[in-house]
Amino acid sequence: MPESLIVGVDRQKGAITENSRRHAQGHAAHDVLLWGARGMGKSALVKSVTGGLQAQGLPLALVETTADQLASLPQLFALLGKANRRFILFIDDMAFEGDDSGPRRLRSMLEGGSEARPANVRLYVTSNRRNIVERRQDEEDAAVNARDVADDRLALADRFGLKLGFQYPDQPAFLEMVSAYAAHFGLEWDEADALAFAHQRGGRSGRVAWHYAVELAGRAGRSL
């Protein structure tokens, strides 16, 4: 998806673009945690920013993996570290429910040691879990073992130099998203209809705005 179609998250877009550009150019750059509301374009933003920098001729590649493959990352790091280009290692939708080893393993890769990622690799991680970056009251009152797991998650979040939060949009921001899609694809739309569509799907998000654009195209006998 083109960056121009990801609207309503301008601050986050600017931060991740600048950080990724620095990394692609061989300058100091942060590992990034994108967290918060689902359906707000976290994954799409990482991919579109990378594609945009590649289109500018910068030597940046995106490698995607999953949280259940963390144990094999040292071997992947060994391969990527030998390459003459810069990499973003992308872990999408990280959620360590009931797992106290995953956060510790990933944390060791961020803070140094034998499993640390090489200098030409930065980790970009998305998560829909607020408790990765914030402690809840029930965690404060939890048993020691459960609280230890929460501490591991928070300690992991602290290892990311750049943390970007994503919230569900208010009504004007949602309509801005719809407007951007409609203008890009030349679709006619109605504000009340867009809001009713979102209500029927349980709320507003970037993903719902995209689904509305698909609905509009279908009604008009168009393909996207």
N, C-alpha and C. Protein backbone atom coordinates (compact mmCIF):
# COMPACT_ATOMS: atom_id res chain seq x y z
N MET A 1 0.84 -1.19 0.00
CA MET A 1 0.00 0.00 0.00
C MET A 1 0.88 1.25 0.00
N PRO A 2 0.61 2.25 -0.87
CA PRO A 2 1.41 3.48 -0.88
C PRO A 2 1.33 4.21 0.46
N GLU A 3 2.42 4.85 0.84
CA GLU A 3 2.43 5.60 2.09
C GLU A 3 1.35 6.67 2.12
N SER A 4 1.05 7.26 0.96
CA SER A 4 0.08 8.35 0.91
C SER A 4 -1.31 7.92 1.35
N LEU A 5 -1.60 6.61 1.30
CA LEU A 5 -2.91 6.11 1.69
C LEU A 5 -2.99 5.77 3.17
N ILE A 6 -1.89 5.82 3.87
CA ILE A 6 -1.90 5.57 5.31
C ILE A 6 -1.98 6.92 6.00
N VAL A 7 -3.19 7.31 6.37
CA VAL A 7 -3.42 8.65 6.93
C VAL A 7 -3.90 8.52 8.37
N GLY A 8 -3.85 9.63 9.08
CA GLY A 8 -4.28 9.64 10.47
C GLY A 8 -3.21 9.21 11.45
N VAL A 9 -2.04 8.85 10.95
CA VAL A 9 -0.92 8.44 11.82
C VAL A 9 0.35 9.17 11.36
N ASP A 10 0.21 10.47 11.10
CA ASP A 10 1.31 11.22 10.52
C ASP A 10 2.55 11.24 11.41
N ARG A 11 2.34 11.40 12.72
CA ARG A 11 3.50 11.44 13.62
C ARG A 11 4.25 10.13 13.59
N GLN A 12 3.51 9.02 13.65
CA GLN A 12 4.14 7.70 13.63
C GLN A 12 4.84 7.46 12.29
N LYS A 13 4.18 7.87 11.21
CA LYS A 13 4.76 7.68 9.89
C LYS A 13 6.08 8.45 9.75
N GLY A 14 6.07 9.70 10.22
CA GLY A 14 7.29 10.49 10.13
C GLY A 14 8.43 9.90 10.93
N ALA A 15 8.12 9.41 12.13
CA ALA A 15 9.16 8.84 13.00
C ALA A 15 9.76 7.58 12.41
N ILE A 16 8.90 6.69 11.89
CA ILE A 16 9.43 5.43 11.37
C ILE A 16 10.15 5.64 10.05
N THR A 17 9.70 6.61 9.25
CA THR A 17 10.40 6.91 8.00
C THR A 17 11.79 7.44 8.27
N GLU A 18 11.89 8.39 9.20
CA GLU A 18 13.19 8.97 9.51
C GLU A 18 14.14 7.92 10.10
N ASN A 19 13.64 7.08 11.01
CA ASN A 19 14.49 6.06 11.60
C ASN A 19 14.96 5.05 10.55
N SER A 20 14.06 4.66 9.67
CA SER A 20 14.40 3.68 8.64
C SER A 20 15.38 4.26 7.64
N ARG A 21 15.23 5.53 7.32
CA ARG A 21 16.16 6.19 6.41
C ARG A 21 17.58 6.22 7.01
N ARG A 22 17.65 6.56 8.28
CA ARG A 22 18.96 6.57 8.95
C ARG A 22 19.61 5.19 8.87
N HIS A 23 18.82 4.17 9.16
CA HIS A 23 19.35 2.81 9.13
C HIS A 23 19.82 2.44 7.73
N ALA A 24 19.00 2.76 6.71
CA ALA A 24 19.35 2.43 5.34
C ALA A 24 20.63 3.12 4.90
N GLN A 25 20.88 4.30 5.45
CA GLN A 25 22.07 5.07 5.08
C GLN A 25 23.29 4.71 5.93
N GLY A 26 23.14 3.74 6.81
CA GLY A 26 24.26 3.30 7.63
C GLY A 26 24.50 4.15 8.86
N HIS A 27 23.52 4.97 9.24
CA HIS A 27 23.65 5.81 10.42
C HIS A 27 23.02 5.10 11.63
N ALA A 28 23.25 5.67 12.80
CA ALA A 28 22.65 5.10 14.02
C ALA A 28 21.14 5.14 13.91
N ALA A 29 20.49 4.05 14.30
CA ALA A 29 19.03 3.96 14.23
C ALA A 29 18.52 3.05 15.33
N HIS A 30 17.25 3.22 15.68
CA HIS A 30 16.65 2.48 16.78
C HIS A 30 15.99 1.18 16.30
N ASP A 31 15.89 0.23 17.21
CA ASP A 31 14.90 -0.84 17.08
C ASP A 31 13.56 -0.21 17.43
N VAL A 32 12.48 -0.71 16.81
CA VAL A 32 11.18 -0.02 16.90
C VAL A 32 10.09 -0.98 17.38
N LEU A 33 9.29 -0.50 18.33
CA LEU A 33 8.10 -1.22 18.78
C LEU A 33 6.88 -0.39 18.40
N LEU A 34 6.02 -0.96 17.57
CA LEU A 34 4.76 -0.32 17.18
C LEU A 34 3.64 -1.06 17.91
N TRP A 35 2.93 -0.37 18.80
CA TRP A 35 1.97 -1.06 19.64
C TRP A 35 0.63 -0.31 19.64
N GLY A 36 -0.42 -1.00 20.01
CA GLY A 36 -1.70 -0.36 20.20
C GLY A 36 -2.81 -0.99 19.39
N ALA A 37 -3.79 -0.17 19.03
CA ALA A 37 -5.04 -0.64 18.44
C ALA A 37 -4.80 -1.46 17.18
N ARG A 38 -5.52 -2.56 17.06
CA ARG A 38 -5.39 -3.38 15.86
C ARG A 38 -6.14 -2.72 14.71
N GLY A 39 -5.69 -3.03 13.50
CA GLY A 39 -6.32 -2.48 12.31
C GLY A 39 -5.97 -1.03 12.02
N MET A 40 -4.91 -0.51 12.65
CA MET A 40 -4.54 0.89 12.44
C MET A 40 -3.32 1.06 11.55
N GLY A 41 -2.93 0.02 10.84
CA GLY A 41 -1.89 0.16 9.82
C GLY A 41 -0.47 0.00 10.30
N LYS A 42 -0.26 -0.63 11.45
CA LYS A 42 1.11 -0.80 11.94
C LYS A 42 1.96 -1.61 10.95
N SER A 43 1.44 -2.76 10.55
CA SER A 43 2.18 -3.61 9.61
C SER A 43 2.31 -2.95 8.25
N ALA A 44 1.20 -2.38 7.77
CA ALA A 44 1.23 -1.72 6.46
C ALA A 44 2.23 -0.57 6.44
N LEU A 45 2.35 0.13 7.57
CA LEU A 45 3.28 1.26 7.64
C LEU A 45 4.72 0.79 7.51
N VAL A 46 5.08 -0.26 8.22
CA VAL A 46 6.45 -0.79 8.12
C VAL A 46 6.76 -1.19 6.68
N LYS A 47 5.84 -1.88 6.05
CA LYS A 47 6.08 -2.37 4.68
C LYS A 47 6.09 -1.24 3.66
N SER A 48 5.20 -0.27 3.81
CA SER A 48 5.15 0.81 2.83
C SER A 48 6.36 1.74 2.96
N VAL A 49 6.79 2.00 4.18
CA VAL A 49 7.97 2.85 4.38
C VAL A 49 9.20 2.17 3.79
N THR A 50 9.35 0.87 4.03
CA THR A 50 10.48 0.15 3.47
C THR A 50 10.45 0.20 1.94
N GLY A 51 9.27 -0.05 1.36
CA GLY A 51 9.15 0.00 -0.09
C GLY A 51 9.46 1.38 -0.64
N GLY A 52 9.03 2.43 0.06
CA GLY A 52 9.32 3.78 -0.39
C GLY A 52 10.81 4.09 -0.39
N LEU A 53 11.52 3.64 0.62
CA LEU A 53 12.97 3.87 0.68
C LEU A 53 13.69 3.05 -0.37
N GLN A 54 13.22 1.83 -0.62
CA GLN A 54 13.80 1.03 -1.68
C GLN A 54 13.63 1.71 -3.04
N ALA A 55 12.46 2.32 -3.25
CA ALA A 55 12.21 3.01 -4.51
C ALA A 55 13.14 4.20 -4.70
N GLN A 56 13.68 4.72 -3.60
CA GLN A 56 14.64 5.81 -3.67
C GLN A 56 16.06 5.31 -3.88
N GLY A 57 16.20 4.00 -4.00
CA GLY A 57 17.51 3.41 -4.27
C GLY A 57 18.35 3.11 -3.05
N LEU A 58 17.74 3.17 -1.87
CA LEU A 58 18.50 2.89 -0.65
C LEU A 58 18.60 1.38 -0.43
N PRO A 59 19.75 0.90 0.04
CA PRO A 59 19.99 -0.55 0.19
C PRO A 59 19.36 -1.12 1.44
N LEU A 60 18.03 -1.19 1.45
CA LEU A 60 17.29 -1.65 2.62
C LEU A 60 16.38 -2.80 2.22
N ALA A 61 16.40 -3.87 3.01
CA ALA A 61 15.54 -5.02 2.74
C ALA A 61 14.71 -5.34 3.98
N LEU A 62 13.51 -5.87 3.74
CA LEU A 62 12.61 -6.26 4.83
C LEU A 62 12.55 -7.77 4.89
N VAL A 63 12.85 -8.33 6.07
CA VAL A 63 12.76 -9.77 6.31
C VAL A 63 11.71 -9.98 7.39
N GLU A 64 10.69 -10.77 7.10
CA GLU A 64 9.59 -10.96 8.04
C GLU A 64 9.65 -12.34 8.68
N THR A 65 9.43 -12.37 9.99
CA THR A 65 9.37 -13.64 10.71
C THR A 65 8.24 -13.56 11.74
N THR A 66 8.09 -14.59 12.52
CA THR A 66 7.01 -14.63 13.52
C THR A 66 7.61 -14.84 14.91
N ALA A 67 6.80 -14.52 15.93
CA ALA A 67 7.29 -14.61 17.30
C ALA A 67 7.64 -16.04 17.71
N ASP A 68 7.01 -17.04 17.08
CA ASP A 68 7.30 -18.42 17.45
C ASP A 68 8.58 -18.94 16.82
N GLN A 69 9.30 -18.09 16.08
CA GLN A 69 10.55 -18.50 15.46
C GLN A 69 11.76 -17.80 16.10
N LEU A 70 11.57 -17.25 17.29
CA LEU A 70 12.66 -16.52 17.93
C LEU A 70 13.90 -17.37 18.15
N ALA A 71 13.71 -18.65 18.44
CA ALA A 71 14.86 -19.50 18.74
C ALA A 71 15.81 -19.62 17.56
N SER A 72 15.30 -19.43 16.34
CA SER A 72 16.13 -19.59 15.15
C SER A 72 16.75 -18.27 14.68
N LEU A 73 16.44 -17.17 15.36
CA LEU A 73 16.94 -15.87 14.91
C LEU A 73 18.46 -15.75 14.94
N PRO A 74 19.19 -16.32 15.91
CA PRO A 74 20.64 -16.21 15.86
C PRO A 74 21.24 -16.74 14.56
N GLN A 75 20.68 -17.84 14.04
CA GLN A 75 21.17 -18.35 12.76
C GLN A 75 20.86 -17.38 11.62
N LEU A 76 19.66 -16.78 11.67
CA LEU A 76 19.32 -15.79 10.66
C LEU A 76 20.22 -14.57 10.77
N PHE A 77 20.49 -14.12 11.98
CA PHE A 77 21.39 -12.99 12.18
C PHE A 77 22.77 -13.27 11.58
N ALA A 78 23.25 -14.49 11.73
CA ALA A 78 24.57 -14.85 11.19
C ALA A 78 24.60 -14.68 9.68
N LEU A 79 23.49 -15.04 9.02
CA LEU A 79 23.42 -14.91 7.56
C LEU A 79 23.30 -13.44 7.15
N LEU A 80 22.41 -12.71 7.80
CA LEU A 80 22.19 -11.31 7.43
C LEU A 80 23.42 -10.46 7.72
N GLY A 81 24.14 -10.79 8.79
CA GLY A 81 25.31 -10.00 9.16
C GLY A 81 26.41 -10.03 8.13
N LYS A 82 26.39 -11.02 7.25
CA LYS A 82 27.42 -11.14 6.21
C LYS A 82 27.06 -10.37 4.95
N ALA A 83 25.84 -9.91 4.84
CA ALA A 83 25.37 -9.24 3.63
C ALA A 83 25.78 -7.77 3.62
N ASN A 84 25.99 -7.24 2.44
CA ASN A 84 26.42 -5.85 2.29
C ASN A 84 25.23 -4.94 2.04
N ARG A 85 24.26 -5.00 2.95
CA ARG A 85 23.11 -4.12 2.89
C ARG A 85 22.48 -4.05 4.27
N ARG A 86 21.50 -3.21 4.41
CA ARG A 86 20.84 -3.02 5.70
C ARG A 86 19.50 -3.76 5.69
N PHE A 87 19.13 -4.30 6.86
CA PHE A 87 17.92 -5.09 6.97
C PHE A 87 17.02 -4.59 8.10
N ILE A 88 15.72 -4.66 7.87
CA ILE A 88 14.72 -4.56 8.93
C ILE A 88 14.17 -5.95 9.13
N LEU A 89 14.34 -6.49 10.33
CA LEU A 89 13.74 -7.78 10.67
C LEU A 89 12.40 -7.50 11.33
N PHE A 90 11.33 -7.89 10.67
CA PHE A 90 9.98 -7.51 11.05
C PHE A 90 9.27 -8.68 11.72
N ILE A 91 8.85 -8.47 12.98
CA ILE A 91 8.08 -9.47 13.72
C ILE A 91 6.71 -8.88 13.96
N ASP A 92 5.69 -9.44 13.31
CA ASP A 92 4.35 -8.88 13.34
C ASP A 92 3.48 -9.55 14.40
N ASP A 93 2.70 -8.73 15.11
CA ASP A 93 1.70 -9.20 16.06
C ASP A 93 2.30 -10.07 17.15
N MET A 94 3.23 -9.51 17.88
CA MET A 94 3.88 -10.23 18.96
C MET A 94 2.98 -10.24 20.19
N ALA A 95 2.73 -11.44 20.73
CA ALA A 95 1.93 -11.57 21.95
C ALA A 95 2.45 -12.77 22.73
N PHE A 96 3.06 -12.54 23.87
CA PHE A 96 3.62 -13.62 24.68
C PHE A 96 2.65 -13.98 25.79
N GLU A 97 1.51 -14.52 25.44
CA GLU A 97 0.53 -14.88 26.45
C GLU A 97 1.01 -16.10 27.26
N GLY A 98 1.27 -15.87 28.53
CA GLY A 98 1.67 -16.96 29.40
C GLY A 98 3.07 -17.50 29.13
N ASP A 99 3.86 -16.78 28.35
CA ASP A 99 5.20 -17.25 27.98
C ASP A 99 6.23 -16.32 28.60
N ASP A 100 7.07 -16.83 29.48
CA ASP A 100 8.08 -15.98 30.10
C ASP A 100 9.45 -16.14 29.45
N SER A 101 9.59 -17.02 28.46
CA SER A 101 10.88 -17.20 27.81
C SER A 101 11.02 -16.31 26.58
N GLY A 102 9.92 -16.07 25.84
CA GLY A 102 9.99 -15.25 24.64
C GLY A 102 10.50 -13.85 24.88
N PRO A 103 9.92 -13.10 25.83
CA PRO A 103 10.42 -11.76 26.09
C PRO A 103 11.89 -11.74 26.48
N ARG A 104 12.33 -12.70 27.28
CA ARG A 104 13.73 -12.73 27.69
C ARG A 104 14.65 -13.01 26.51
N ARG A 105 14.23 -13.91 25.64
CA ARG A 105 15.05 -14.25 24.47
C ARG A 105 15.19 -13.05 23.55
N LEU A 106 14.07 -12.39 23.27
CA LEU A 106 14.12 -11.23 22.39
C LEU A 106 14.90 -10.09 23.03
N ARG A 107 14.75 -9.94 24.34
CA ARG A 107 15.48 -8.89 25.05
C ARG A 107 16.99 -9.10 24.93
N SER A 108 17.45 -10.35 25.00
CA SER A 108 18.88 -10.62 24.89
C SER A 108 19.41 -10.27 23.51
N MET A 109 18.54 -10.36 22.49
CA MET A 109 18.96 -10.01 21.13
C MET A 109 19.09 -8.51 20.96
N LEU A 110 18.39 -7.75 21.79
CA LEU A 110 18.42 -6.30 21.70
C LEU A 110 19.50 -5.67 22.56
N GLU A 111 19.93 -6.35 23.59
CA GLU A 111 20.84 -5.72 24.54
C GLU A 111 22.28 -6.18 24.42
N GLY A 112 22.57 -7.06 23.47
CA GLY A 112 23.95 -7.50 23.28
C GLY A 112 24.13 -8.95 23.65
N GLY A 113 25.38 -9.42 23.62
CA GLY A 113 25.67 -10.81 23.92
C GLY A 113 25.77 -11.65 22.66
N SER A 114 25.89 -12.94 22.84
CA SER A 114 26.16 -13.83 21.72
C SER A 114 25.00 -13.91 20.73
N GLU A 115 23.76 -13.64 21.18
CA GLU A 115 22.60 -13.74 20.29
C GLU A 115 22.17 -12.39 19.72
N ALA A 116 22.93 -11.34 19.99
CA ALA A 116 22.50 -9.99 19.60
C ALA A 116 22.43 -9.85 18.08
N ARG A 117 21.53 -9.02 17.63
CA ARG A 117 21.42 -8.76 16.19
C ARG A 117 22.65 -8.00 15.71
N PRO A 118 23.08 -8.25 14.46
CA PRO A 118 24.26 -7.56 13.93
C PRO A 118 23.97 -6.09 13.65
N ALA A 119 25.02 -5.33 13.37
CA ALA A 119 24.88 -3.88 13.22
C ALA A 119 24.05 -3.48 12.02
N ASN A 120 23.96 -4.34 11.01
CA ASN A 120 23.19 -3.99 9.80
C ASN A 120 21.74 -4.45 9.88
N VAL A 121 21.28 -4.84 11.08
CA VAL A 121 19.91 -5.31 11.27
C VAL A 121 19.26 -4.51 12.40
N ARG A 122 18.02 -4.09 12.18
CA ARG A 122 17.22 -3.50 13.24
C ARG A 122 15.91 -4.27 13.33
N LEU A 123 15.42 -4.44 14.55
CA LEU A 123 14.18 -5.16 14.79
C LEU A 123 13.01 -4.18 14.82
N TYR A 124 11.98 -4.48 14.04
CA TYR A 124 10.72 -3.75 14.07
C TYR A 124 9.65 -4.74 14.49
N VAL A 125 8.98 -4.47 15.60
CA VAL A 125 8.02 -5.40 16.18
C VAL A 125 6.68 -4.69 16.35
N THR A 126 5.59 -5.36 15.97
CA THR A 126 4.26 -4.83 16.23
C THR A 126 3.56 -5.68 17.28
N SER A 127 2.70 -5.04 18.05
CA SER A 127 1.93 -5.76 19.05
C SER A 127 0.62 -5.02 19.29
N ASN A 128 -0.45 -5.77 19.45
CA ASN A 128 -1.74 -5.20 19.82
C ASN A 128 -1.92 -5.17 21.33
N ARG A 129 -0.92 -5.62 22.08
CA ARG A 129 -1.05 -5.77 23.53
C ARG A 129 -0.54 -4.55 24.26
N ARG A 130 -1.43 -3.83 24.91
CA ARG A 130 -1.04 -2.66 25.69
C ARG A 130 -0.14 -3.05 26.85
N ASN A 131 -0.31 -4.28 27.39
CA ASN A 131 0.46 -4.64 28.58
C ASN A 131 1.93 -4.91 28.27
N ILE A 132 2.33 -4.81 27.01
CA ILE A 132 3.75 -4.90 26.70
C ILE A 132 4.47 -3.62 27.10
N VAL A 133 3.73 -2.50 27.11
CA VAL A 133 4.38 -1.23 27.44
C VAL A 133 3.80 -0.57 28.68
N GLU A 134 2.70 -1.08 29.22
CA GLU A 134 2.09 -0.48 30.40
C GLU A 134 1.73 -1.55 31.42
N ARG A 135 1.89 -1.25 32.68
CA ARG A 135 1.48 -2.17 33.74
C ARG A 135 0.04 -1.87 34.13
N ARG A 136 -0.76 -2.93 34.27
CA ARG A 136 -2.14 -2.79 34.71
C ARG A 136 -2.23 -3.04 36.22
N GLN A 137 -3.30 -2.56 36.82
CA GLN A 137 -3.48 -2.72 38.26
C GLN A 137 -3.56 -4.18 38.65
N ASP A 138 -4.22 -5.02 37.81
CA ASP A 138 -4.33 -6.43 38.17
C ASP A 138 -2.98 -7.13 38.14
N GLU A 139 -2.03 -6.59 37.34
CA GLU A 139 -0.68 -7.16 37.35
C GLU A 139 0.05 -6.76 38.62
N GLU A 140 -0.21 -5.55 39.12
CA GLU A 140 0.40 -5.12 40.37
C GLU A 140 -0.01 -6.04 41.51
N ASP A 141 -1.27 -6.51 41.46
CA ASP A 141 -1.82 -7.32 42.54
C ASP A 141 -1.65 -8.82 42.29
N ALA A 142 -1.02 -9.19 41.18
CA ALA A 142 -0.93 -10.60 40.81
C ALA A 142 0.08 -11.33 41.67
N ALA A 143 0.04 -12.66 41.55
CA ALA A 143 1.03 -13.49 42.23
C ALA A 143 2.42 -13.19 41.67
N VAL A 144 3.44 -13.59 42.42
CA VAL A 144 4.81 -13.25 42.06
C VAL A 144 5.16 -13.74 40.67
N ASN A 145 4.84 -14.98 40.33
CA ASN A 145 5.21 -15.51 39.02
C ASN A 145 4.55 -14.73 37.89
N ALA A 146 3.28 -14.42 38.05
CA ALA A 146 2.58 -13.65 37.01
C ALA A 146 3.17 -12.26 36.89
N ARG A 147 3.53 -11.66 38.02
CA ARG A 147 4.12 -10.33 37.99
C ARG A 147 5.50 -10.36 37.33
N ASP A 148 6.23 -11.46 37.51
CA ASP A 148 7.53 -11.59 36.86
C ASP A 148 7.39 -11.59 35.34
N VAL A 149 6.35 -12.27 34.82
CA VAL A 149 6.11 -12.27 33.38
C VAL A 149 5.84 -10.86 32.89
N ALA A 150 5.02 -10.11 33.65
CA ALA A 150 4.73 -8.73 33.27
C ALA A 150 6.00 -7.89 33.29
N ASP A 151 6.84 -8.10 34.29
CA ASP A 151 8.10 -7.37 34.36
C ASP A 151 8.98 -7.66 33.15
N ASP A 152 8.99 -8.92 32.70
CA ASP A 152 9.78 -9.28 31.53
C ASP A 152 9.29 -8.55 30.29
N ARG A 153 7.97 -8.43 30.15
CA ARG A 153 7.41 -7.72 29.00
C ARG A 153 7.80 -6.25 29.02
N LEU A 154 7.69 -5.63 30.21
CA LEU A 154 8.03 -4.22 30.32
C LEU A 154 9.52 -4.00 30.09
N ALA A 155 10.34 -4.92 30.59
CA ALA A 155 11.78 -4.81 30.37
C ALA A 155 12.12 -4.94 28.90
N LEU A 156 11.37 -5.79 28.19
CA LEU A 156 11.57 -5.93 26.76
C LEU A 156 11.23 -4.62 26.06
N ALA A 157 10.09 -4.03 26.38
CA ALA A 157 9.68 -2.78 25.73
C ALA A 157 10.72 -1.69 25.94
N ASP A 158 11.36 -1.68 27.10
CA ASP A 158 12.37 -0.66 27.39
C ASP A 158 13.59 -0.77 26.50
N ARG A 159 13.81 -1.93 25.87
CA ARG A 159 14.98 -2.12 25.01
C ARG A 159 14.80 -1.49 23.63
N PHE A 160 13.57 -1.10 23.29
CA PHE A 160 13.33 -0.46 22.00
C PHE A 160 13.55 1.04 22.13
N GLY A 161 14.44 1.57 21.30
CA GLY A 161 14.73 3.01 21.37
C GLY A 161 13.59 3.87 20.87
N LEU A 162 12.72 3.29 20.04
CA LEU A 162 11.59 4.04 19.49
C LEU A 162 10.32 3.23 19.70
N LYS A 163 9.39 3.76 20.48
CA LYS A 163 8.10 3.10 20.74
C LYS A 163 7.00 4.02 20.21
N LEU A 164 6.17 3.49 19.31
CA LEU A 164 5.13 4.28 18.67
C LEU A 164 3.77 3.68 19.00
N GLY A 165 2.89 4.47 19.61
CA GLY A 165 1.56 4.00 19.97
C GLY A 165 0.53 4.35 18.90
N PHE A 166 -0.43 3.46 18.71
CA PHE A 166 -1.50 3.65 17.73
C PHE A 166 -2.84 3.51 18.45
N GLN A 167 -3.69 4.53 18.30
CA GLN A 167 -5.00 4.53 18.94
C GLN A 167 -6.09 4.50 17.88
N TYR A 168 -7.27 4.05 18.27
CA TYR A 168 -8.40 4.09 17.34
C TYR A 168 -8.73 5.54 17.00
N PRO A 169 -9.11 5.81 15.75
CA PRO A 169 -9.33 7.20 15.34
C PRO A 169 -10.66 7.75 15.84
N ASP A 170 -10.71 9.06 16.02
CA ASP A 170 -12.00 9.69 16.27
C ASP A 170 -12.74 9.81 14.93
N GLN A 171 -13.93 10.35 14.96
CA GLN A 171 -14.76 10.38 13.75
C GLN A 171 -14.11 11.18 12.62
N PRO A 172 -13.59 12.39 12.86
CA PRO A 172 -12.96 13.14 11.76
C PRO A 172 -11.76 12.39 11.16
N ALA A 173 -10.95 11.74 12.01
CA ALA A 173 -9.79 11.01 11.49
C ALA A 173 -10.22 9.82 10.65
N PHE A 174 -11.28 9.14 11.08
CA PHE A 174 -11.79 8.01 10.30
C PHE A 174 -12.29 8.48 8.94
N LEU A 175 -13.02 9.58 8.92
CA LEU A 175 -13.52 10.09 7.65
C LEU A 175 -12.39 10.56 6.74
N GLU A 176 -11.30 11.04 7.35
CA GLU A 176 -10.12 11.41 6.56
C GLU A 176 -9.52 10.18 5.87
N MET A 177 -9.51 9.06 6.59
CA MET A 177 -9.01 7.82 6.00
C MET A 177 -9.89 7.40 4.82
N VAL A 178 -11.20 7.44 5.03
CA VAL A 178 -12.13 7.08 3.96
C VAL A 178 -11.94 7.99 2.76
N SER A 179 -11.81 9.29 3.01
CA SER A 179 -11.65 10.26 1.95
C SER A 179 -10.39 9.99 1.13
N ALA A 180 -9.31 9.61 1.82
CA ALA A 180 -8.05 9.33 1.11
C ALA A 180 -8.20 8.14 0.18
N TYR A 181 -8.83 7.08 0.65
CA TYR A 181 -9.06 5.92 -0.21
C TYR A 181 -9.97 6.28 -1.38
N ALA A 182 -11.05 6.99 -1.09
CA ALA A 182 -12.01 7.32 -2.14
C ALA A 182 -11.38 8.20 -3.22
N ALA A 183 -10.58 9.18 -2.80
CA ALA A 183 -9.93 10.06 -3.77
C ALA A 183 -8.93 9.30 -4.62
N HIS A 184 -8.19 8.41 -3.98
CA HIS A 184 -7.16 7.66 -4.71
C HIS A 184 -7.77 6.77 -5.79
N PHE A 185 -8.91 6.14 -5.48
CA PHE A 185 -9.53 5.20 -6.41
C PHE A 185 -10.68 5.82 -7.20
N GLY A 186 -10.95 7.10 -6.98
CA GLY A 186 -12.03 7.75 -7.72
C GLY A 186 -13.40 7.22 -7.37
N LEU A 187 -13.68 7.06 -6.08
CA LEU A 187 -14.94 6.48 -5.62
C LEU A 187 -15.83 7.56 -5.01
N GLU A 188 -17.11 7.49 -5.30
CA GLU A 188 -18.08 8.38 -4.66
C GLU A 188 -18.47 7.78 -3.30
N TRP A 189 -18.58 8.66 -2.30
CA TRP A 189 -18.93 8.15 -0.97
C TRP A 189 -19.75 9.16 -0.21
N ASP A 190 -20.40 8.68 0.84
CA ASP A 190 -21.28 9.51 1.66
C ASP A 190 -20.85 9.37 3.11
N GLU A 191 -20.75 10.50 3.80
CA GLU A 191 -20.27 10.49 5.18
C GLU A 191 -21.14 9.65 6.09
N ALA A 192 -22.46 9.83 6.00
CA ALA A 192 -23.36 9.07 6.87
C ALA A 192 -23.26 7.57 6.57
N ASP A 193 -23.12 7.23 5.31
CA ASP A 193 -23.00 5.83 4.93
C ASP A 193 -21.71 5.23 5.48
N ALA A 194 -20.63 5.99 5.43
CA ALA A 194 -19.34 5.52 5.96
C ALA A 194 -19.42 5.27 7.46
N LEU A 195 -20.06 6.18 8.17
CA LEU A 195 -20.18 6.02 9.62
C LEU A 195 -21.09 4.85 9.98
N ALA A 196 -22.15 4.66 9.21
CA ALA A 196 -23.03 3.51 9.45
C ALA A 196 -22.28 2.21 9.19
N PHE A 197 -21.46 2.20 8.16
CA PHE A 197 -20.65 1.01 7.84
C PHE A 197 -19.73 0.67 9.01
N ALA A 198 -19.07 1.69 9.56
CA ALA A 198 -18.17 1.47 10.70
C ALA A 198 -18.95 0.98 11.92
N HIS A 199 -20.11 1.55 12.16
CA HIS A 199 -20.92 1.14 13.31
C HIS A 199 -21.32 -0.33 13.19
N GLN A 200 -21.66 -0.76 12.00
CA GLN A 200 -22.07 -2.15 11.78
C GLN A 200 -20.91 -3.12 12.03
N ARG A 201 -19.69 -2.61 11.92
CA ARG A 201 -18.52 -3.47 12.12
C ARG A 201 -17.85 -3.26 13.46
N GLY A 202 -18.54 -2.60 14.35
CA GLY A 202 -18.09 -2.53 15.73
C GLY A 202 -17.14 -1.41 16.07
N GLY A 203 -16.88 -0.49 15.13
CA GLY A 203 -16.00 0.62 15.46
C GLY A 203 -15.19 1.10 14.28
N ARG A 204 -14.44 2.17 14.52
CA ARG A 204 -13.65 2.81 13.47
C ARG A 204 -12.19 2.37 13.56
N SER A 205 -11.57 2.13 12.41
CA SER A 205 -10.14 1.85 12.32
C SER A 205 -9.71 2.04 10.88
N GLY A 206 -8.42 2.03 10.64
CA GLY A 206 -7.92 2.11 9.28
C GLY A 206 -8.37 0.93 8.45
N ARG A 207 -8.42 -0.24 9.07
CA ARG A 207 -8.85 -1.43 8.33
C ARG A 207 -10.32 -1.33 7.92
N VAL A 208 -11.15 -0.80 8.82
CA VAL A 208 -12.57 -0.64 8.48
C VAL A 208 -12.72 0.39 7.35
N ALA A 209 -11.90 1.44 7.37
CA ALA A 209 -11.94 2.42 6.28
C ALA A 209 -11.60 1.76 4.95
N TRP A 210 -10.62 0.87 4.96
CA TRP A 210 -10.26 0.15 3.74
C TRP A 210 -11.39 -0.78 3.30
N HIS A 211 -11.99 -1.47 4.25
CA HIS A 211 -13.10 -2.36 3.91
C HIS A 211 -14.26 -1.56 3.30
N TYR A 212 -14.47 -0.33 3.78
CA TYR A 212 -15.51 0.50 3.20
C TYR A 212 -15.17 0.87 1.76
N ALA A 213 -13.89 1.15 1.50
CA ALA A 213 -13.48 1.44 0.12
C ALA A 213 -13.73 0.24 -0.79
N VAL A 214 -13.45 -0.95 -0.28
CA VAL A 214 -13.72 -2.16 -1.05
C VAL A 214 -15.21 -2.29 -1.32
N GLU A 215 -16.03 -1.99 -0.31
CA GLU A 215 -17.49 -2.04 -0.47
C GLU A 215 -17.95 -1.05 -1.53
N LEU A 216 -17.41 0.16 -1.49
CA LEU A 216 -17.78 1.16 -2.48
C LEU A 216 -17.43 0.71 -3.89
N ALA A 217 -16.23 0.16 -4.05
CA ALA A 217 -15.81 -0.31 -5.37
C ALA A 217 -16.71 -1.44 -5.85
N GLY A 218 -17.08 -2.34 -4.93
CA GLY A 218 -17.97 -3.43 -5.30
C GLY A 218 -19.33 -2.94 -5.75
N ARG A 219 -19.87 -1.97 -5.02
CA ARG A 219 -21.16 -1.40 -5.39
C ARG A 219 -21.11 -0.76 -6.78
N ALA A 220 -19.97 -0.15 -7.11
CA ALA A 220 -19.82 0.54 -8.38
C ALA A 220 -19.38 -0.38 -9.52
N GLY A 221 -19.25 -1.69 -9.21
CA GLY A 221 -18.81 -2.63 -10.22
C GLY A 221 -17.37 -2.42 -10.64
N ARG A 222 -16.55 -1.97 -9.67
CA ARG A 222 -15.13 -1.68 -9.92
C ARG A 222 -14.26 -2.70 -9.23
N SER A 223 -13.02 -2.84 -9.70
CA SER A 223 -12.01 -3.63 -9.01
C SER A 223 -10.99 -2.67 -8.41
N LEU A 224 -10.28 -3.12 -7.39
CA LEU A 224 -9.24 -2.32 -6.76
C LEU A 224 -7.88 -2.99 -6.96
